[in-house]
Amino acid sequence: MSLPAPILIQPIAAIFNGWAASFAALPVSFQYICTVLFGLIIGSFLSVVVHRVPIMLHRLWQAEWHSFAAHANITAKAAAATTHTAVSNEMIDQAITPPPMAGKSLGDKHAYNLCLPRSHCPSCQHTLTLTENLPLLGYLLCRGRCSACHIPISLRYPALELFSAGLAAGALWHFGASWPALAAFGLATTLLALAFIDMDTHLLPDTLTLPLIWAGLLVNLDASFTSLHSAVIGAVAGYLTLWLVYWGFRLLRGKEGIGYGDFKLLAALGAWLGWLALPQIVLLASATGALFGLTAMACGHLKKGQPLPFGPFLVAAGMITLFCGTPFFAG
């Protein structure tokens, strides 16, 4: 199948189409085996993203704060000297130093990114061997415990790997061996990482949501999921929809009811799936979020007034729309 695309990306499209045709010629069972293995590998990487991106962001914020603090310290002392006002270092530090990020250890000052340091046990710092790093198999071989300190390994790691493998198989089943299948898998796994990060930290990092918006617009240059016209309107409408909800709630209740990251996430879903998909996504996310919140409150797991991250519900609604279309709305 030819992939119509602007001249600048036609060579890339031609290369991918050739690869997709070769892959589609393989036995179906072998296609799924390769796809599931690829999904497991990506799922293992997602575990790193979910754990490290919030820490990397907070390190960046703290570095910015320290830079600001150093400048403010000098400015405050200069002002104090000019006005002959006594200002202690402790007073300045208390005024400008941000609190540490709750529940996250920032570790030492060595390089910390998605590659360094190597994967290790968070309890005893044991560096994982090649065998222990194998997706899913490593968890099974270790029987769910660190080989050094025998502390139980969180079920999150194999769960993310299995989710990712399932999404890979689902993309192949729904879209076939094609460019949209690979793009859909990329969207779904990014959404998966965002959902887990939001559940942990109530953050939807710009480092993931903003590239996802641009990627959706680029993918739809050739109308892979929707027309470019619909994608652009979807990105704008997605952002403005929750922006209006945010300000409406704030004017009525005097407090924030939704985060800015949710605006950008819905904008990304609009860029990928088009503006006609937005009503279904918002309806599904709102309904499931409300149902989950009421159930959690009834069971005593959520207190009244306690914030509930909306990102995971947007993610679930987006994935349903990606793979099932918009049966509730025409489009």
Foldseek 3Di string as FASTA:
>chain_A
DQFDFPPVCRVVRVVLVVVLVVLLPDPPVVSLVVLLLVLLVVLLLLVLCLQQVVLVVQVVVQVVLVVVLVVVVVVVVVVCVVVVHDDDPVNSCVVRHDDHQPPHDNDDDPDGDSPPPADADPPPRHHDDPCCSRGPRNCVVLVQADPPPRHGHDPSSNVSSNVSSVLSSLLCVQPNSHPLSVVSSVLLNLLVSQLSNCQVRVDRDPVRLVVLLVVLLNVQSSDSQHHNVQLQVQLVCLLVVVVVVQVVCCVVPVDGQADSSSSSNSSSLCSNHGNQLSVQLVVQLVVVVVVVQVVCVVVVNDDPPGHDRSSNSSSVSSSCCSSPNCPPTDD
